Amino acid sequence: MEKSEIVDLMDQITFFDDFRQQDKEKLAALEEGMVEYDPGDLIIRQGDLDQTIFVLIKGKVSINKNDAPDSELNCLEPGSVFGEVPLITGAPRSTNAVAKSYVLALKLDGHLFHELDPAILNKFKDHLLKLLIRRLNEMNAALSRIKRDFQDQKDSFNQVKNEIDKILVASQNIKANKEMFSGFLDDIRG
């Protein structure tokens, strides 16, 4: 794909809004950095130890795990950043990334990070920091929902338990009354 076409695609992606035109041109000119994948190609393999991050320029990428390869966890669209966790943590890849269509991505590894203009690198760092904060906020919101749902389930369980306790007490009362009246009837018959 021509450099001008790549820059045109970048112009349509909010990830690159803070980048100057010349920054986009430099990125588009990175021969090692612009990678293409065909549908079905594995971009990231779960368990790998590399520290490469990607910015999706064109196409769609499916995220899944080895234990459920047919269950799509997420479908990434242009502008999505993926593969950043091992860069930050040094941990192995936790998911697979598979091209769903033709994919063009900006691939940045340690070697390219060192070659980038510091101004461009700072924009990547700023965007990555914002991304991590957004994901942390999303996880906090999800945990809050889970906690609220758990509390609702616990409250419902306690209500059911209280109703069962009432039924048991009533059943014991009925049994006691039956024994009392049974004895009373025996006395009357006797």
Protein backbone atom coordinates (compact mmCIF):
# COMPACT_ATOMS: atom_id res chain seq x y z
CA MET A 1 0.00 0.00 0.00
CA GLU A 2 1.28 3.47 -0.86
CA LYS A 3 2.44 5.84 1.88
CA SER A 4 -0.17 8.44 0.87
CA GLU A 5 -2.96 5.85 1.17
CA ILE A 6 -1.75 4.90 4.64
CA VAL A 7 -1.69 8.56 5.70
CA ASP A 8 -5.24 8.97 4.33
CA LEU A 9 -6.34 6.03 6.48
CA MET A 10 -4.58 7.49 9.51
CA ASP A 11 -6.44 10.77 8.94
CA GLN A 12 -9.71 8.88 9.51
CA ILE A 13 -8.62 7.31 12.83
CA THR A 14 -9.01 9.24 16.10
CA PHE A 15 -5.87 7.59 17.52
CA PHE A 16 -3.84 9.80 15.20
CA ASP A 17 -5.74 13.06 15.84
CA ASP A 18 -2.90 14.46 17.96
CA PHE A 19 -0.25 13.55 15.39
CA ARG A 20 1.00 16.17 12.95
CA GLN A 21 0.80 15.37 9.24
CA GLN A 22 4.57 14.93 9.07
CA ASP A 23 4.39 12.50 12.04
CA LYS A 24 1.86 10.39 10.15
CA GLU A 25 4.05 10.47 7.05
CA LYS A 26 7.05 9.27 9.08
CA LEU A 27 5.02 6.44 10.55
CA ALA A 28 3.60 5.46 7.16
CA ALA A 29 7.15 5.34 5.79
CA LEU A 30 8.31 2.82 8.39
CA GLU A 31 8.78 -0.22 6.15
CA GLU A 32 9.26 -2.57 9.09
CA GLY A 33 6.38 -0.94 10.96
CA MET A 34 3.56 -1.31 8.44
CA VAL A 35 2.45 -4.94 8.31
CA GLU A 36 -0.30 -6.62 6.31
CA TYR A 37 -2.26 -9.76 7.16
CA ASP A 38 -4.75 -11.84 5.22
CA PRO A 39 -8.00 -13.15 6.71
CA GLY A 40 -7.26 -15.94 9.16
CA ASP A 41 -3.63 -14.94 9.73
CA LEU A 42 -2.46 -15.13 13.34
CA ILE A 43 -1.14 -11.71 14.38
CA ILE A 44 -0.54 -12.49 18.06
CA ARG A 45 -0.22 -15.97 19.58
CA GLN A 46 -1.26 -16.57 23.17
CA GLY A 47 1.75 -17.50 25.28
CA ASP A 48 4.36 -15.71 23.14
CA LEU A 49 6.85 -13.49 24.95
CA ASP A 50 7.36 -10.64 22.47
CA GLN A 51 6.73 -7.00 23.39
CA THR A 52 5.21 -5.69 20.18
CA ILE A 53 2.17 -3.43 20.13
CA PHE A 54 -0.10 -2.80 17.18
CA VAL A 55 -2.33 0.03 16.01
CA LEU A 56 -4.99 -1.25 13.63
CA ILE A 57 -5.06 0.96 10.52
CA LYS A 58 -7.43 -1.04 8.31
CA GLY A 59 -9.52 -4.19 8.71
CA LYS A 60 -10.87 -6.13 11.66
CA VAL A 61 -9.10 -8.32 14.21
CA SER A 62 -10.71 -11.01 16.35
CA ILE A 63 -9.45 -11.63 19.89
CA ASN A 64 -9.80 -15.13 21.37
CA LYS A 65 -8.14 -17.57 23.76
CA ASN A 66 -6.64 -20.99 23.10
CA ASP A 67 -9.16 -22.76 25.34
CA ALA A 68 -12.10 -21.28 23.37
CA PRO A 69 -10.84 -20.39 19.87
CA ASP A 70 -14.37 -20.09 18.45
CA SER A 71 -15.48 -17.65 21.15
CA GLU A 72 -14.64 -14.11 20.11
CA LEU A 73 -13.79 -12.00 23.15
CA ASN A 74 -13.57 -8.79 21.15
CA CYS A 75 -13.60 -7.54 17.58
CA LEU A 76 -11.15 -4.71 17.02
CA GLU A 77 -11.74 -1.95 14.49
CA PRO A 78 -9.36 0.63 12.95
CA GLY A 79 -7.76 2.79 15.62
CA SER A 80 -7.65 -0.02 18.17
CA VAL A 81 -4.40 -0.59 20.03
CA PHE A 82 -3.63 -4.17 20.95
CA GLY A 83 -0.77 -6.22 22.29
CA GLU A 84 0.27 -3.58 24.82
CA VAL A 85 0.09 -5.66 28.02
CA PRO A 86 3.37 -7.60 27.54
CA LEU A 87 5.14 -4.35 26.70
CA ILE A 88 4.13 -2.98 30.10
CA THR A 89 4.25 -6.13 32.24
CA GLY A 90 6.72 -8.40 30.46
CA ALA A 91 4.13 -11.19 30.84
CA PRO A 92 3.37 -13.66 28.03
CA ARG A 93 0.56 -12.90 25.58
CA SER A 94 -2.78 -13.67 27.22
CA THR A 95 -4.86 -13.89 24.02
CA ASN A 96 -4.66 -14.55 20.30
CA ALA A 97 -5.29 -11.85 17.69
CA VAL A 98 -6.51 -13.15 14.32
CA ALA A 99 -7.17 -11.13 11.14
CA LYS A 100 -10.89 -11.28 10.28
CA SER A 101 -10.32 -9.46 6.99
CA TYR A 102 -7.41 -7.90 5.19
CA VAL A 103 -5.50 -6.06 7.93
CA LEU A 104 -3.02 -3.23 7.81
CA ALA A 105 -1.43 -2.42 11.16
CA LEU A 106 1.32 -0.28 12.55
CA LYS A 107 3.60 -2.72 14.39
CA LEU A 108 5.92 -1.21 16.98
CA ASP A 109 8.56 -3.22 18.79
CA GLY A 110 11.48 -2.14 20.96
CA HIS A 111 13.68 -1.57 17.92
CA LEU A 112 11.20 0.81 16.26
CA PHE A 113 10.46 2.60 19.52
CA HIS A 114 14.13 3.55 19.72
CA GLU A 115 14.07 4.84 16.13
CA LEU A 116 11.00 7.04 16.57
CA ASP A 117 11.24 10.77 16.95
CA PRO A 118 10.83 11.57 20.69
CA ALA A 119 7.80 13.79 19.95
CA ILE A 120 6.05 10.89 18.18
CA LEU A 121 7.06 8.47 20.94
CA ASN A 122 5.59 10.81 23.56
CA LYS A 123 2.29 10.87 21.67
CA PHE A 124 2.25 7.07 21.70
CA LYS A 125 3.01 7.03 25.42
CA ASP A 126 0.27 9.59 26.10
CA HIS A 127 -2.24 7.60 24.07
CA LEU A 128 -1.21 4.35 25.74
CA LEU A 129 -1.57 5.92 29.18
CA LYS A 130 -5.06 7.19 28.28
CA LEU A 131 -5.94 3.75 26.95
CA LEU A 132 -4.80 2.03 30.14
CA ILE A 133 -6.71 4.51 32.29
CA ARG A 134 -9.85 3.98 30.19
CA ARG A 135 -9.51 0.19 30.50
CA LEU A 136 -8.92 0.48 34.25
CA ASN A 137 -12.07 2.61 34.55
CA GLU A 138 -14.01 0.05 32.49
CA MET A 139 -12.76 -2.77 34.72
CA ASN A 140 -13.67 -0.82 37.85
CA ALA A 141 -17.16 -0.23 36.47
CA ALA A 142 -17.48 -3.92 35.60
CA LEU A 143 -16.32 -4.93 39.08
CA SER A 144 -18.80 -2.50 40.60
CA ARG A 145 -21.61 -4.07 38.53
CA ILE A 146 -20.50 -7.56 39.57
CA LYS A 147 -20.41 -6.51 43.22
CA ARG A 148 -23.88 -4.94 42.94
CA ASP A 149 -25.24 -8.04 41.16
CA PHE A 150 -23.68 -10.28 43.81
CA GLN A 151 -25.25 -8.20 46.57
CA ASP A 152 -28.64 -8.39 44.81
CA GLN A 153 -28.26 -12.20 44.57
CA LYS A 154 -27.26 -12.36 48.22
CA ASP A 155 -30.29 -10.26 49.23
CA SER A 156 -32.59 -12.50 47.14
CA PHE A 157 -31.05 -15.60 48.70
CA ASN A 158 -31.61 -14.16 52.20
CA GLN A 159 -35.24 -13.40 51.36
CA VAL A 160 -35.79 -16.97 50.15
CA LYS A 161 -34.00 -18.32 53.24
CA ASN A 162 -36.24 -16.22 55.51
CA GLU A 163 -39.35 -17.51 53.74
CA ILE A 164 -38.12 -21.11 54.09
CA ASP A 165 -37.40 -20.50 57.80
CA LYS A 166 -40.98 -19.19 58.22
CA ILE A 167 -42.35 -22.28 56.48
CA LEU A 168 -40.26 -24.55 58.70
CA VAL A 169 -41.43 -22.76 61.85
CA ALA A 170 -45.04 -22.97 60.64
CA SER A 171 -44.56 -26.66 59.85
CA GLN A 172 -43.16 -27.28 63.34
CA ASN A 173 -46.11 -25.39 64.83
CA ILE A 174 -48.53 -27.50 62.81
CA LYS A 175 -46.79 -30.67 63.98
CA ALA A 176 -46.88 -29.50 67.63
CA ASN A 177 -50.55 -28.53 67.28
CA LYS A 178 -51.34 -31.88 65.70
CA GLU A 179 -49.64 -33.72 68.58
CA MET A 180 -51.43 -31.56 71.14
CA PHE A 181 -54.84 -32.06 69.50
CA SER A 182 -54.13 -35.74 68.97
CA GLY A 183 -53.47 -36.12 72.70
CA PHE A 184 -56.59 -34.06 73.48
CA LEU A 185 -58.71 -36.28 71.20
CA ASP A 186 -57.25 -39.40 72.85
CA ASP A 187 -58.26 -37.99 76.25
CA ILE A 188 -61.80 -37.31 75.04
CA ARG A 189 -62.17 -40.80 73.54
CA GLY A 190 -60.66 -42.47 76.53
